[in-house]
Amino acid sequence: MAGKRQTNPAGSTNNLRGDVLRVLGALKVATADQIQRIDAPHLTYRHTKGTPSAQKTARTAAHNGALSDMRKHGLSETGGRTETGDSLRNLTLKGLQAASHELRRPVTEMGSTARGAGPSGGSHPMAVNETVIAMLRPKPDMAKLADDPPEVRAAAQAAVDAPGGIGTIASYWTELPLPATGTWNAPGKGGAQADIVLTAPQDKMPLLFIEVDHCH
């Protein structure tokens, strides 16, 4: 145990770090709050006591720990803050490569590391992420709430029973070049860039391009 804690001081597990890599690999830049809402939505229903700030701190603690351990290993970095004060997280080149394995995508299809979002507060990528979350409609895992109070389970069950979303996080690409010249892996200048590309044939959505405005 001591050796594992020395390697990962925040105590995160391999599975949790893999989950975070998948989300950041798809979104490019995100807050711990957005990562948690996609990866572990059951925590949103568990942590409802105290101020909104205290609730957010409680429900994102594990994912912030995973991000801290990933930063120690050179996989992620903090790149500024949003207008509401949340830290923006993105992958390094090493992290992008690790995420490609988690998402089972070639590195050439992963896109950039989104380092430039921080100074501007990331308003556009945050809107893109919220669009992905709205389309995903992440469902809480009721098995993980088995020991929680009845009111917590009832609220989570209502979300489970609501209409489902489209695809999984692995169904989404963000900031994907659409080359007018060159190739998909080496796009030339002058091409467009899709904010979101969705491929979810299992939900009868083989291909969808989405443009997200700043005012979304």
N, C-alpha and C. Protein backbone atom coordinates (compact mmCIF):
# COMPACT_ATOMS: atom_id res chain seq x y z
N MET A 1 0.82 -1.21 0.00
CA MET A 1 0.00 0.00 0.00
C MET A 1 0.86 1.26 0.00
N ALA A 2 1.94 1.25 0.79
CA ALA A 2 2.81 2.42 0.86
C ALA A 2 3.41 2.72 -0.50
N GLY A 3 3.79 1.64 -1.23
CA GLY A 3 4.36 1.84 -2.56
C GLY A 3 3.36 2.45 -3.52
N LYS A 4 2.10 1.99 -3.45
CA LYS A 4 1.07 2.52 -4.34
C LYS A 4 0.80 3.98 -4.03
N ARG A 5 0.76 4.35 -2.73
CA ARG A 5 0.51 5.72 -2.35
C ARG A 5 1.67 6.63 -2.78
N GLN A 6 2.89 6.07 -2.76
CA GLN A 6 4.05 6.85 -3.20
C GLN A 6 3.94 7.14 -4.69
N THR A 7 3.44 6.16 -5.46
CA THR A 7 3.28 6.34 -6.89
C THR A 7 2.12 7.26 -7.19
N ASN A 8 1.02 7.10 -6.46
CA ASN A 8 -0.18 7.93 -6.64
C ASN A 8 -0.55 8.54 -5.29
N PRO A 9 0.06 9.67 -4.92
CA PRO A 9 -0.14 10.25 -3.59
C PRO A 9 -1.60 10.53 -3.25
N ALA A 10 -2.41 10.84 -4.26
CA ALA A 10 -3.82 11.13 -3.99
C ALA A 10 -4.66 9.88 -3.84
N GLY A 11 -4.04 8.71 -4.04
CA GLY A 11 -4.73 7.44 -3.82
C GLY A 11 -5.69 7.03 -4.91
N SER A 12 -5.58 7.59 -6.11
CA SER A 12 -6.51 7.23 -7.18
C SER A 12 -6.21 5.84 -7.72
N THR A 13 -7.24 5.20 -8.25
CA THR A 13 -7.09 3.86 -8.81
C THR A 13 -6.78 3.93 -10.30
N ASN A 14 -6.27 2.82 -10.84
CA ASN A 14 -6.01 2.75 -12.28
C ASN A 14 -7.30 2.94 -13.07
N ASN A 15 -8.39 2.33 -12.58
CA ASN A 15 -9.66 2.44 -13.30
C ASN A 15 -10.16 3.87 -13.36
N LEU A 16 -10.06 4.59 -12.25
CA LEU A 16 -10.54 5.98 -12.23
C LEU A 16 -9.68 6.85 -13.13
N ARG A 17 -8.37 6.67 -13.09
CA ARG A 17 -7.51 7.46 -13.97
C ARG A 17 -7.80 7.15 -15.44
N GLY A 18 -8.11 5.88 -15.74
CA GLY A 18 -8.49 5.51 -17.10
C GLY A 18 -9.78 6.20 -17.53
N ASP A 19 -10.75 6.28 -16.61
CA ASP A 19 -12.01 6.97 -16.91
C ASP A 19 -11.76 8.45 -17.21
N VAL A 20 -10.91 9.09 -16.40
CA VAL A 20 -10.61 10.50 -16.60
C VAL A 20 -9.90 10.71 -17.94
N LEU A 21 -8.99 9.80 -18.29
CA LEU A 21 -8.31 9.89 -19.58
C LEU A 21 -9.30 9.81 -20.73
N ARG A 22 -10.30 8.94 -20.62
CA ARG A 22 -11.30 8.81 -21.69
C ARG A 22 -12.09 10.11 -21.87
N VAL A 23 -12.51 10.70 -20.75
CA VAL A 23 -13.30 11.93 -20.84
C VAL A 23 -12.46 13.07 -21.40
N LEU A 24 -11.25 13.27 -20.87
CA LEU A 24 -10.41 14.35 -21.36
C LEU A 24 -9.93 14.10 -22.78
N GLY A 25 -9.75 12.83 -23.14
CA GLY A 25 -9.35 12.51 -24.51
C GLY A 25 -10.41 12.91 -25.50
N ALA A 26 -11.68 12.83 -25.09
CA ALA A 26 -12.78 13.21 -25.97
C ALA A 26 -13.04 14.71 -25.95
N LEU A 27 -12.99 15.32 -24.74
CA LEU A 27 -13.35 16.73 -24.60
C LEU A 27 -12.18 17.68 -24.80
N LYS A 28 -10.97 17.22 -24.63
CA LYS A 28 -9.73 18.01 -24.76
C LYS A 28 -9.44 18.88 -23.54
N VAL A 29 -10.41 19.64 -23.06
CA VAL A 29 -10.23 20.45 -21.86
C VAL A 29 -11.55 20.45 -21.11
N ALA A 30 -11.48 20.29 -19.77
CA ALA A 30 -12.71 20.19 -18.97
C ALA A 30 -12.39 20.52 -17.52
N THR A 31 -13.44 20.75 -16.75
CA THR A 31 -13.29 20.92 -15.30
C THR A 31 -13.52 19.57 -14.63
N ALA A 32 -13.08 19.46 -13.38
CA ALA A 32 -13.33 18.23 -12.63
C ALA A 32 -14.83 18.00 -12.47
N ASP A 33 -15.60 19.08 -12.36
CA ASP A 33 -17.05 18.98 -12.25
C ASP A 33 -17.64 18.32 -13.48
N GLN A 34 -17.22 18.74 -14.66
CA GLN A 34 -17.74 18.15 -15.90
C GLN A 34 -17.31 16.69 -16.04
N ILE A 35 -16.06 16.41 -15.68
CA ILE A 35 -15.57 15.03 -15.75
C ILE A 35 -16.39 14.13 -14.84
N GLN A 36 -16.65 14.58 -13.62
CA GLN A 36 -17.44 13.78 -12.67
C GLN A 36 -18.86 13.57 -13.15
N ARG A 37 -19.48 14.60 -13.69
CA ARG A 37 -20.87 14.48 -14.14
C ARG A 37 -21.01 13.48 -15.29
N ILE A 38 -19.95 13.32 -16.09
CA ILE A 38 -19.98 12.33 -17.17
C ILE A 38 -19.60 10.94 -16.65
N ASP A 39 -18.54 10.88 -15.86
CA ASP A 39 -17.98 9.59 -15.46
C ASP A 39 -18.69 8.95 -14.27
N ALA A 40 -19.13 9.74 -13.31
CA ALA A 40 -19.73 9.19 -12.08
C ALA A 40 -20.92 10.03 -11.66
N PRO A 41 -22.00 10.05 -12.45
CA PRO A 41 -23.14 10.91 -12.13
C PRO A 41 -23.83 10.54 -10.83
N HIS A 42 -23.62 9.32 -10.34
CA HIS A 42 -24.26 8.94 -9.07
C HIS A 42 -23.79 9.82 -7.92
N LEU A 43 -22.57 10.37 -8.02
CA LEU A 43 -22.05 11.22 -6.95
C LEU A 43 -22.83 12.52 -6.83
N THR A 44 -23.43 12.97 -7.92
CA THR A 44 -24.24 14.19 -7.90
C THR A 44 -25.44 14.01 -6.99
N TYR A 45 -25.98 12.82 -6.93
CA TYR A 45 -27.16 12.55 -6.11
C TYR A 45 -26.79 12.23 -4.66
N ARG A 46 -25.58 11.76 -4.46
CA ARG A 46 -25.13 11.41 -3.10
C ARG A 46 -24.76 12.65 -2.29
N HIS A 47 -24.11 13.61 -2.93
CA HIS A 47 -23.59 14.77 -2.21
C HIS A 47 -24.50 15.98 -2.43
N THR A 48 -25.49 16.12 -1.56
CA THR A 48 -26.46 17.21 -1.69
C THR A 48 -26.56 18.04 -0.41
N LYS A 49 -25.65 17.83 0.53
CA LYS A 49 -25.69 18.57 1.80
C LYS A 49 -24.71 19.74 1.74
N GLY A 50 -25.04 20.81 2.47
CA GLY A 50 -24.16 21.96 2.54
C GLY A 50 -24.35 22.92 1.39
N THR A 51 -23.43 23.87 1.29
CA THR A 51 -23.50 24.87 0.23
C THR A 51 -23.19 24.23 -1.12
N PRO A 52 -23.58 24.88 -2.22
CA PRO A 52 -23.22 24.35 -3.54
C PRO A 52 -21.72 24.13 -3.69
N SER A 53 -20.92 25.01 -3.13
CA SER A 53 -19.47 24.85 -3.20
C SER A 53 -19.02 23.60 -2.45
N ALA A 54 -19.59 23.37 -1.28
CA ALA A 54 -19.24 22.18 -0.49
C ALA A 54 -19.68 20.91 -1.21
N GLN A 55 -20.85 20.96 -1.83
CA GLN A 55 -21.33 19.80 -2.58
C GLN A 55 -20.39 19.47 -3.73
N LYS A 56 -19.97 20.50 -4.46
CA LYS A 56 -19.07 20.29 -5.59
C LYS A 56 -17.73 19.72 -5.12
N THR A 57 -17.22 20.25 -4.01
CA THR A 57 -15.95 19.75 -3.47
C THR A 57 -16.05 18.28 -3.11
N ALA A 58 -17.18 17.88 -2.49
CA ALA A 58 -17.36 16.50 -2.07
C ALA A 58 -17.49 15.55 -3.26
N ARG A 59 -18.29 15.94 -4.23
CA ARG A 59 -18.55 15.00 -5.33
C ARG A 59 -17.41 14.92 -6.34
N THR A 60 -16.53 15.92 -6.36
CA THR A 60 -15.41 15.89 -7.30
C THR A 60 -14.10 15.49 -6.65
N ALA A 61 -14.13 15.15 -5.37
CA ALA A 61 -12.88 14.86 -4.64
C ALA A 61 -12.08 13.74 -5.30
N ALA A 62 -12.75 12.64 -5.65
CA ALA A 62 -12.04 11.50 -6.23
C ALA A 62 -11.44 11.86 -7.59
N HIS A 63 -12.18 12.60 -8.40
CA HIS A 63 -11.68 12.95 -9.73
C HIS A 63 -10.57 13.99 -9.66
N ASN A 64 -10.66 14.91 -8.68
CA ASN A 64 -9.55 15.84 -8.47
C ASN A 64 -8.30 15.09 -8.02
N GLY A 65 -8.49 14.04 -7.21
CA GLY A 65 -7.36 13.22 -6.80
C GLY A 65 -6.73 12.51 -7.98
N ALA A 66 -7.56 11.97 -8.86
CA ALA A 66 -7.04 11.30 -10.06
C ALA A 66 -6.28 12.28 -10.94
N LEU A 67 -6.82 13.49 -11.10
CA LEU A 67 -6.14 14.51 -11.91
C LEU A 67 -4.82 14.92 -11.29
N SER A 68 -4.78 14.97 -9.95
CA SER A 68 -3.53 15.29 -9.27
C SER A 68 -2.47 14.22 -9.52
N ASP A 69 -2.87 12.96 -9.43
CA ASP A 69 -1.93 11.86 -9.70
C ASP A 69 -1.50 11.86 -11.16
N MET A 70 -2.43 12.14 -12.06
CA MET A 70 -2.09 12.20 -13.49
C MET A 70 -1.10 13.33 -13.77
N ARG A 71 -1.29 14.44 -13.08
CA ARG A 71 -0.36 15.56 -13.26
C ARG A 71 1.03 15.17 -12.78
N LYS A 72 1.11 14.43 -11.68
CA LYS A 72 2.40 13.98 -11.16
C LYS A 72 3.12 13.11 -12.18
N HIS A 73 2.36 12.32 -12.94
CA HIS A 73 2.94 11.42 -13.94
C HIS A 73 3.10 12.08 -15.31
N GLY A 74 2.82 13.38 -15.40
CA GLY A 74 3.00 14.09 -16.65
C GLY A 74 1.93 13.82 -17.68
N LEU A 75 0.74 13.37 -17.25
CA LEU A 75 -0.34 13.06 -18.18
C LEU A 75 -1.32 14.21 -18.35
N SER A 76 -1.47 15.04 -17.33
CA SER A 76 -2.41 16.16 -17.41
C SER A 76 -1.77 17.40 -16.82
N GLU A 77 -2.44 18.53 -17.05
CA GLU A 77 -1.95 19.79 -16.49
C GLU A 77 -3.14 20.71 -16.26
N THR A 78 -2.92 21.73 -15.43
CA THR A 78 -3.94 22.73 -15.17
C THR A 78 -3.66 23.93 -16.05
N GLY A 79 -4.67 24.37 -16.80
CA GLY A 79 -4.46 25.44 -17.77
C GLY A 79 -5.39 26.60 -17.57
N GLY A 80 -5.33 27.27 -16.44
CA GLY A 80 -6.18 28.43 -16.20
C GLY A 80 -7.47 28.08 -15.48
N ARG A 81 -8.39 29.04 -15.45
CA ARG A 81 -9.65 28.87 -14.73
C ARG A 81 -10.82 29.40 -15.55
N THR A 82 -11.99 28.87 -15.27
CA THR A 82 -13.20 29.37 -15.90
C THR A 82 -13.63 30.66 -15.22
N GLU A 83 -14.67 31.30 -15.75
CA GLU A 83 -15.17 32.53 -15.16
C GLU A 83 -15.73 32.29 -13.75
N THR A 84 -16.12 31.06 -13.46
CA THR A 84 -16.65 30.74 -12.13
C THR A 84 -15.58 30.23 -11.18
N GLY A 85 -14.32 30.21 -11.63
CA GLY A 85 -13.22 29.85 -10.74
C GLY A 85 -12.82 28.39 -10.77
N ASP A 86 -13.44 27.58 -11.62
CA ASP A 86 -13.06 26.17 -11.70
C ASP A 86 -11.78 26.01 -12.51
N SER A 87 -10.90 25.11 -12.06
CA SER A 87 -9.66 24.86 -12.77
C SER A 87 -9.94 24.12 -14.07
N LEU A 88 -9.28 24.56 -15.13
CA LEU A 88 -9.38 23.88 -16.42
C LEU A 88 -8.28 22.83 -16.50
N ARG A 89 -8.65 21.62 -16.89
CA ARG A 89 -7.69 20.52 -16.99
C ARG A 89 -7.60 20.06 -18.44
N ASN A 90 -6.38 19.80 -18.87
CA ASN A 90 -6.19 19.23 -20.20
C ASN A 90 -5.06 18.22 -20.16
N LEU A 91 -4.97 17.42 -21.20
CA LEU A 91 -3.93 16.40 -21.28
C LEU A 91 -2.66 16.97 -21.89
N THR A 92 -1.53 16.41 -21.48
CA THR A 92 -0.27 16.69 -22.16
C THR A 92 -0.19 15.78 -23.39
N LEU A 93 0.87 15.92 -24.16
CA LEU A 93 1.06 15.02 -25.30
C LEU A 93 1.15 13.57 -24.84
N LYS A 94 1.82 13.36 -23.71
CA LYS A 94 1.90 12.01 -23.14
C LYS A 94 0.53 11.52 -22.71
N GLY A 95 -0.27 12.43 -22.12
CA GLY A 95 -1.62 12.06 -21.71
C GLY A 95 -2.52 11.78 -22.89
N LEU A 96 -2.35 12.55 -23.96
CA LEU A 96 -3.15 12.34 -25.17
C LEU A 96 -2.88 10.95 -25.75
N GLN A 97 -1.62 10.54 -25.69
CA GLN A 97 -1.27 9.21 -26.18
C GLN A 97 -1.90 8.13 -25.31
N ALA A 98 -1.87 8.35 -23.98
CA ALA A 98 -2.49 7.39 -23.07
C ALA A 98 -4.00 7.32 -23.29
N ALA A 99 -4.62 8.48 -23.54
CA ALA A 99 -6.06 8.51 -23.78
C ALA A 99 -6.42 7.79 -25.06
N SER A 100 -5.54 7.82 -26.05
CA SER A 100 -5.83 7.13 -27.30
C SER A 100 -5.96 5.63 -27.07
N HIS A 101 -5.18 5.09 -26.14
CA HIS A 101 -5.29 3.66 -25.81
C HIS A 101 -6.61 3.39 -25.09
N GLU A 102 -6.99 4.29 -24.18
CA GLU A 102 -8.24 4.10 -23.44
C GLU A 102 -9.46 4.18 -24.36
N LEU A 103 -9.41 5.09 -25.32
CA LEU A 103 -10.53 5.27 -26.25
C LEU A 103 -10.46 4.36 -27.47
N ARG A 104 -9.32 3.64 -27.58
CA ARG A 104 -9.08 2.77 -28.74
C ARG A 104 -9.13 3.56 -30.05
N ARG A 105 -8.49 4.72 -30.05
CA ARG A 105 -8.39 5.56 -31.23
C ARG A 105 -6.92 5.74 -31.58
N PRO A 106 -6.59 5.81 -32.86
CA PRO A 106 -5.22 6.14 -33.24
C PRO A 106 -4.85 7.53 -32.72
N VAL A 107 -3.61 7.71 -32.35
CA VAL A 107 -3.16 9.01 -31.85
C VAL A 107 -3.43 10.10 -32.89
N THR A 108 -3.35 9.74 -34.17
CA THR A 108 -3.57 10.72 -35.23
C THR A 108 -5.00 11.22 -35.27
N GLU A 109 -5.92 10.53 -34.59
CA GLU A 109 -7.32 10.97 -34.56
C GLU A 109 -7.69 11.68 -33.26
N MET A 110 -6.71 11.89 -32.39
CA MET A 110 -6.99 12.46 -31.07
C MET A 110 -7.08 13.98 -31.08
N GLY A 111 -6.52 14.63 -32.07
CA GLY A 111 -6.55 16.08 -32.10
C GLY A 111 -5.48 16.69 -31.22
N SER A 112 -5.67 17.97 -30.85
CA SER A 112 -4.66 18.70 -30.09
C SER A 112 -4.89 18.56 -28.60
N THR A 113 -4.00 19.19 -27.81
CA THR A 113 -4.08 19.11 -26.35
C THR A 113 -4.84 20.27 -25.73
N ALA A 114 -5.29 21.24 -26.53
CA ALA A 114 -6.13 22.36 -26.06
C ALA A 114 -5.46 23.22 -25.01
N ARG A 115 -4.16 23.44 -25.14
CA ARG A 115 -3.45 24.25 -24.15
C ARG A 115 -3.88 25.71 -24.17
N GLY A 116 -4.40 26.21 -25.27
CA GLY A 116 -4.69 27.63 -25.39
C GLY A 116 -6.00 28.08 -24.76
N ALA A 117 -6.76 27.19 -24.14
CA ALA A 117 -8.09 27.55 -23.64
C ALA A 117 -8.03 28.33 -22.33
N GLY A 118 -6.98 28.12 -21.55
CA GLY A 118 -6.91 28.68 -20.21
C GLY A 118 -6.98 30.19 -20.11
N PRO A 119 -6.14 30.94 -20.85
CA PRO A 119 -6.13 32.39 -20.70
C PRO A 119 -7.47 33.06 -20.94
N SER A 120 -8.32 32.47 -21.79
CA SER A 120 -9.61 33.08 -22.12
C SER A 120 -10.73 32.59 -21.20
N GLY A 121 -10.41 31.69 -20.27
CA GLY A 121 -11.44 31.15 -19.40
C GLY A 121 -12.18 29.97 -19.99
N GLY A 122 -11.85 29.61 -21.22
CA GLY A 122 -12.41 28.41 -21.81
C GLY A 122 -13.90 28.47 -22.05
N SER A 123 -14.46 29.66 -22.35
CA SER A 123 -15.91 29.77 -22.48
C SER A 123 -16.46 28.89 -23.60
N HIS A 124 -15.76 28.84 -24.74
CA HIS A 124 -16.28 28.03 -25.84
C HIS A 124 -16.15 26.54 -25.56
N PRO A 125 -14.98 26.02 -25.14
CA PRO A 125 -14.92 24.58 -24.84
C PRO A 125 -15.86 24.18 -23.71
N MET A 126 -16.12 25.09 -22.75
CA MET A 126 -17.07 24.76 -21.69
C MET A 126 -18.48 24.59 -22.27
N ALA A 127 -18.83 25.44 -23.25
CA ALA A 127 -20.13 25.30 -23.89
C ALA A 127 -20.20 24.01 -24.70
N VAL A 128 -19.10 23.67 -25.35
CA VAL A 128 -19.04 22.42 -26.10
C VAL A 128 -19.25 21.23 -25.15
N ASN A 129 -18.57 21.27 -24.00
CA ASN A 129 -18.70 20.18 -23.03
C ASN A 129 -20.12 20.05 -22.51
N GLU A 130 -20.75 21.19 -22.22
CA GLU A 130 -22.12 21.15 -21.71
C GLU A 130 -23.07 20.59 -22.77
N THR A 131 -22.77 20.84 -24.05
CA THR A 131 -23.57 20.26 -25.12
C THR A 131 -23.41 18.75 -25.15
N VAL A 132 -22.16 18.28 -24.99
CA VAL A 132 -21.92 16.83 -24.95
C VAL A 132 -22.66 16.20 -23.78
N ILE A 133 -22.59 16.84 -22.60
CA ILE A 133 -23.28 16.30 -21.42
C ILE A 133 -24.79 16.26 -21.64
N ALA A 134 -25.33 17.31 -22.26
CA ALA A 134 -26.77 17.35 -22.52
C ALA A 134 -27.20 16.25 -23.47
N MET A 135 -26.33 15.91 -24.42
CA MET A 135 -26.67 14.85 -25.38
C MET A 135 -26.44 13.47 -24.79
N LEU A 136 -25.44 13.35 -23.92
CA LEU A 136 -25.16 12.06 -23.29
C LEU A 136 -26.23 11.69 -22.26
N ARG A 137 -26.69 12.70 -21.49
CA ARG A 137 -27.61 12.45 -20.38
C ARG A 137 -27.09 11.31 -19.50
N PRO A 138 -25.93 11.46 -18.89
CA PRO A 138 -25.34 10.37 -18.11
C PRO A 138 -26.29 9.85 -17.03
N LYS A 139 -26.42 8.54 -16.95
CA LYS A 139 -27.33 7.92 -15.99
C LYS A 139 -26.55 7.43 -14.76
N PRO A 140 -27.05 7.72 -13.55
CA PRO A 140 -26.38 7.22 -12.35
C PRO A 140 -26.47 5.70 -12.25
N ASP A 141 -25.43 5.09 -11.75
CA ASP A 141 -25.41 3.64 -11.52
C ASP A 141 -26.07 3.36 -10.18
N MET A 142 -27.27 2.79 -10.21
CA MET A 142 -28.03 2.57 -8.98
C MET A 142 -27.33 1.60 -8.04
N ALA A 143 -26.54 0.68 -8.58
CA ALA A 143 -25.83 -0.27 -7.71
C ALA A 143 -24.85 0.44 -6.78
N LYS A 144 -24.32 1.58 -7.23
CA LYS A 144 -23.37 2.34 -6.42
C LYS A 144 -24.07 3.18 -5.35
N LEU A 145 -25.39 3.22 -5.41
CA LEU A 145 -26.16 3.97 -4.42
C LEU A 145 -26.98 3.03 -3.53
N ALA A 146 -26.61 1.76 -3.52
CA ALA A 146 -27.39 0.75 -2.79
C ALA A 146 -27.50 1.06 -1.30
N ASP A 147 -26.47 1.67 -0.71
CA ASP A 147 -26.47 1.94 0.72
C ASP A 147 -26.83 3.39 1.05
N ASP A 148 -27.26 4.15 0.08
CA ASP A 148 -27.62 5.55 0.31
C ASP A 148 -29.07 5.66 0.78
N PRO A 149 -29.44 6.80 1.38
CA PRO A 149 -30.81 6.98 1.87
C PRO A 149 -31.84 6.86 0.76
N PRO A 150 -33.08 6.51 1.11
CA PRO A 150 -34.14 6.33 0.11
C PRO A 150 -34.36 7.55 -0.78
N GLU A 151 -34.27 8.76 -0.19
CA GLU A 151 -34.51 9.96 -0.99
C GLU A 151 -33.43 10.15 -2.06
N VAL A 152 -32.22 9.72 -1.75
CA VAL A 152 -31.13 9.80 -2.72
C VAL A 152 -31.40 8.82 -3.86
N ARG A 153 -31.78 7.61 -3.52
CA ARG A 153 -32.06 6.60 -4.53
C ARG A 153 -33.27 6.98 -5.38
N ALA A 154 -34.27 7.61 -4.77
CA ALA A 154 -35.46 8.00 -5.52
C ALA A 154 -35.12 9.07 -6.57
N ALA A 155 -34.30 10.04 -6.18
CA ALA A 155 -33.90 11.10 -7.12
C ALA A 155 -33.07 10.52 -8.26
N ALA A 156 -32.16 9.60 -7.91
CA ALA A 156 -31.33 8.98 -8.94
C ALA A 156 -32.16 8.10 -9.86
N GLN A 157 -33.13 7.39 -9.30
CA GLN A 157 -33.98 6.51 -10.11
C GLN A 157 -34.80 7.32 -11.11
N ALA A 158 -35.22 8.52 -10.70
CA ALA A 158 -35.97 9.38 -11.61
C ALA A 158 -35.12 9.75 -12.82
N ALA A 159 -33.82 9.96 -12.58
CA ALA A 159 -32.92 10.27 -13.69
C ALA A 159 -32.71 9.04 -14.58
N VAL A 160 -32.64 7.87 -13.97
CA VAL A 160 -32.49 6.64 -14.74
C VAL A 160 -33.71 6.40 -15.62
N ASP A 161 -34.90 6.71 -15.09
CA ASP A 161 -36.14 6.46 -15.82
C ASP A 161 -36.42 7.51 -16.90
N ALA A 162 -35.72 8.62 -16.86
CA ALA A 162 -35.92 9.68 -17.86
C ALA A 162 -35.38 9.21 -19.21
N PRO A 163 -35.80 9.86 -20.31
CA PRO A 163 -35.30 9.47 -21.63
C PRO A 163 -33.77 9.43 -21.67
N GLY A 164 -33.25 8.46 -22.37
CA GLY A 164 -31.81 8.28 -22.45
C GLY A 164 -31.15 9.25 -23.42
N GLY A 165 -29.84 9.32 -23.34
CA GLY A 165 -29.07 10.17 -24.23
C GLY A 165 -28.61 9.41 -25.46
N ILE A 166 -27.61 9.96 -26.12
CA ILE A 166 -27.09 9.37 -27.35
C ILE A 166 -25.63 8.99 -27.16
N GLY A 167 -25.32 7.72 -27.36
CA GLY A 167 -23.94 7.26 -27.34
C GLY A 167 -23.30 7.23 -25.96
N THR A 168 -22.00 7.04 -25.96
CA THR A 168 -21.16 7.09 -24.76
C THR A 168 -20.10 8.15 -25.00
N ILE A 169 -19.27 8.42 -24.01
CA ILE A 169 -18.24 9.43 -24.20
C ILE A 169 -17.31 9.05 -25.35
N ALA A 170 -17.16 7.76 -25.61
CA ALA A 170 -16.31 7.31 -26.72
C ALA A 170 -16.95 7.57 -28.08
N SER A 171 -18.22 8.02 -28.09
CA SER A 171 -18.91 8.32 -29.35
C SER A 171 -18.63 9.74 -29.83
N TYR A 172 -17.94 10.54 -28.99
CA TYR A 172 -17.79 11.96 -29.27
C TYR A 172 -16.34 12.34 -29.57
N TRP A 173 -16.18 13.18 -30.57
CA TRP A 173 -14.91 13.84 -30.89
C TRP A 173 -15.16 15.33 -30.77
N THR A 174 -14.19 16.10 -30.31
CA THR A 174 -14.34 17.55 -30.27
C THR A 174 -13.18 18.22 -31.02
N GLU A 175 -13.49 19.42 -31.54
CA GLU A 175 -12.49 20.22 -32.27
C GLU A 175 -11.80 19.39 -33.35
N LEU A 176 -12.61 18.75 -34.18
CA LEU A 176 -12.08 17.84 -35.20
C LEU A 176 -11.95 18.56 -36.54
N PRO A 177 -10.75 18.58 -37.14
CA PRO A 177 -10.58 19.24 -38.44
C PRO A 177 -11.38 18.52 -39.54
N LEU A 178 -11.98 19.33 -40.40
CA LEU A 178 -12.68 18.81 -41.58
C LEU A 178 -11.94 19.36 -42.79
N PRO A 179 -10.93 18.64 -43.27
CA PRO A 179 -9.99 19.21 -44.25
C PRO A 179 -10.60 19.47 -45.62
N ALA A 180 -10.37 20.70 -46.11
CA ALA A 180 -10.70 21.01 -47.49
C ALA A 180 -9.56 20.56 -48.39
N THR A 181 -8.35 20.55 -47.83
CA THR A 181 -7.18 20.05 -48.53
C THR A 181 -6.41 19.14 -47.59
N GLY A 182 -5.51 18.38 -48.12
CA GLY A 182 -4.74 17.46 -47.30
C GLY A 182 -5.52 16.19 -47.02
N THR A 183 -5.25 15.57 -45.88
CA THR A 183 -5.91 14.32 -45.50
C THR A 183 -6.54 14.49 -44.13
N TRP A 184 -7.31 13.49 -43.70
CA TRP A 184 -7.92 13.53 -42.37
C TRP A 184 -6.85 13.60 -41.28
N ASN A 185 -5.77 12.83 -41.46
CA ASN A 185 -4.72 12.81 -40.45
C ASN A 185 -3.75 13.98 -40.57
N ALA A 186 -3.68 14.60 -41.74
CA ALA A 186 -2.80 15.74 -41.95
C ALA A 186 -3.55 16.80 -42.75
N PRO A 187 -4.53 17.49 -42.12
CA PRO A 187 -5.35 18.46 -42.84
C PRO A 187 -4.54 19.67 -43.28
N GLY A 188 -4.88 20.17 -44.48
CA GLY A 188 -4.24 21.37 -44.97
C GLY A 188 -4.93 22.61 -44.45
N LYS A 189 -4.39 23.76 -44.81
CA LYS A 189 -4.97 25.03 -44.35
C LYS A 189 -6.27 25.32 -45.09
N GLY A 190 -7.14 26.08 -44.39
CA GLY A 190 -8.37 26.52 -45.03
C GLY A 190 -9.58 25.65 -44.76
N GLY A 191 -9.41 24.54 -44.06
CA GLY A 191 -10.53 23.67 -43.78
C GLY A 191 -11.33 24.14 -42.57
N ALA A 192 -12.52 23.62 -42.44
CA ALA A 192 -13.36 23.93 -41.28
C ALA A 192 -12.98 23.02 -40.11
N GLN A 193 -13.56 23.31 -38.96
CA GLN A 193 -13.33 22.49 -37.78
C GLN A 193 -14.65 22.27 -37.06
N ALA A 194 -14.99 21.03 -36.84
CA ALA A 194 -16.25 20.70 -36.17
C ALA A 194 -16.08 20.79 -34.67
N ASP A 195 -17.00 21.50 -34.00
CA ASP A 195 -16.94 21.56 -32.55
C ASP A 195 -17.14 20.17 -31.95
N ILE A 196 -18.14 19.45 -32.47
CA ILE A 196 -18.43 18.10 -32.00
C ILE A 196 -18.75 17.21 -33.20
N VAL A 197 -18.19 16.03 -33.21
CA VAL A 197 -18.58 14.99 -34.16
C VAL A 197 -19.07 13.81 -33.33
N LEU A 198 -20.27 13.34 -33.64
CA LEU A 198 -20.89 12.23 -32.92
C LEU A 198 -21.08 11.05 -33.85
N THR A 199 -20.62 9.88 -33.44
CA THR A 199 -20.86 8.64 -34.18
C THR A 199 -21.43 7.62 -33.21
N ALA A 200 -22.72 7.38 -33.31
CA ALA A 200 -23.39 6.45 -32.41
C ALA A 200 -24.38 5.59 -33.19
N PRO A 201 -23.87 4.70 -34.05
CA PRO A 201 -24.78 3.86 -34.85
C PRO A 201 -25.69 3.00 -33.98
N GLN A 202 -25.24 2.67 -32.75
CA GLN A 202 -26.09 1.86 -31.86
C GLN A 202 -27.36 2.61 -31.47
N ASP A 203 -27.34 3.94 -31.58
CA ASP A 203 -28.51 4.76 -31.29
C ASP A 203 -29.09 5.38 -32.56
N LYS A 204 -28.80 4.74 -33.71
CA LYS A 204 -29.31 5.18 -35.01
C LYS A 204 -28.84 6.59 -35.36
N MET A 205 -27.62 6.90 -34.93
CA MET A 205 -27.02 8.19 -35.26
C MET A 205 -25.61 7.91 -35.80
N PRO A 206 -25.51 7.52 -37.08
CA PRO A 206 -24.22 7.12 -37.62
C PRO A 206 -23.21 8.25 -37.69
N LEU A 207 -23.67 9.49 -37.97
CA LEU A 207 -22.74 10.61 -38.07
C LEU A 207 -23.50 11.92 -37.92
N LEU A 208 -23.01 12.76 -36.99
CA LEU A 208 -23.64 14.07 -36.76
C LEU A 208 -22.54 15.09 -36.46
N PHE A 209 -22.57 16.23 -37.15
CA PHE A 209 -21.66 17.34 -36.90
C PHE A 209 -22.43 18.42 -36.14
N ILE A 210 -21.82 18.95 -35.10
CA ILE A 210 -22.49 19.93 -34.25
C ILE A 210 -21.63 21.18 -34.12
N GLU A 211 -22.23 22.34 -34.36
CA GLU A 211 -21.58 23.63 -34.18
C GLU A 211 -22.14 24.28 -32.92
N VAL A 212 -21.27 24.72 -32.03
CA VAL A 212 -21.69 25.31 -30.76
C VAL A 212 -21.28 26.78 -30.73
N ASP A 213 -22.25 27.68 -30.54
CA ASP A 213 -21.96 29.11 -30.47
C ASP A 213 -21.41 29.46 -29.09
N HIS A 214 -20.72 30.58 -29.01
CA HIS A 214 -20.20 31.06 -27.72
C HIS A 214 -21.32 31.37 -26.74
N CYS A 215 -22.48 31.74 -27.27
CA CYS A 215 -23.58 32.14 -26.39
C CYS A 215 -24.46 30.96 -26.00
N HIS A 216 -24.03 29.73 -26.32
CA HIS A 216 -24.83 28.53 -26.04
C HIS A 216 -25.16 28.45 -24.55
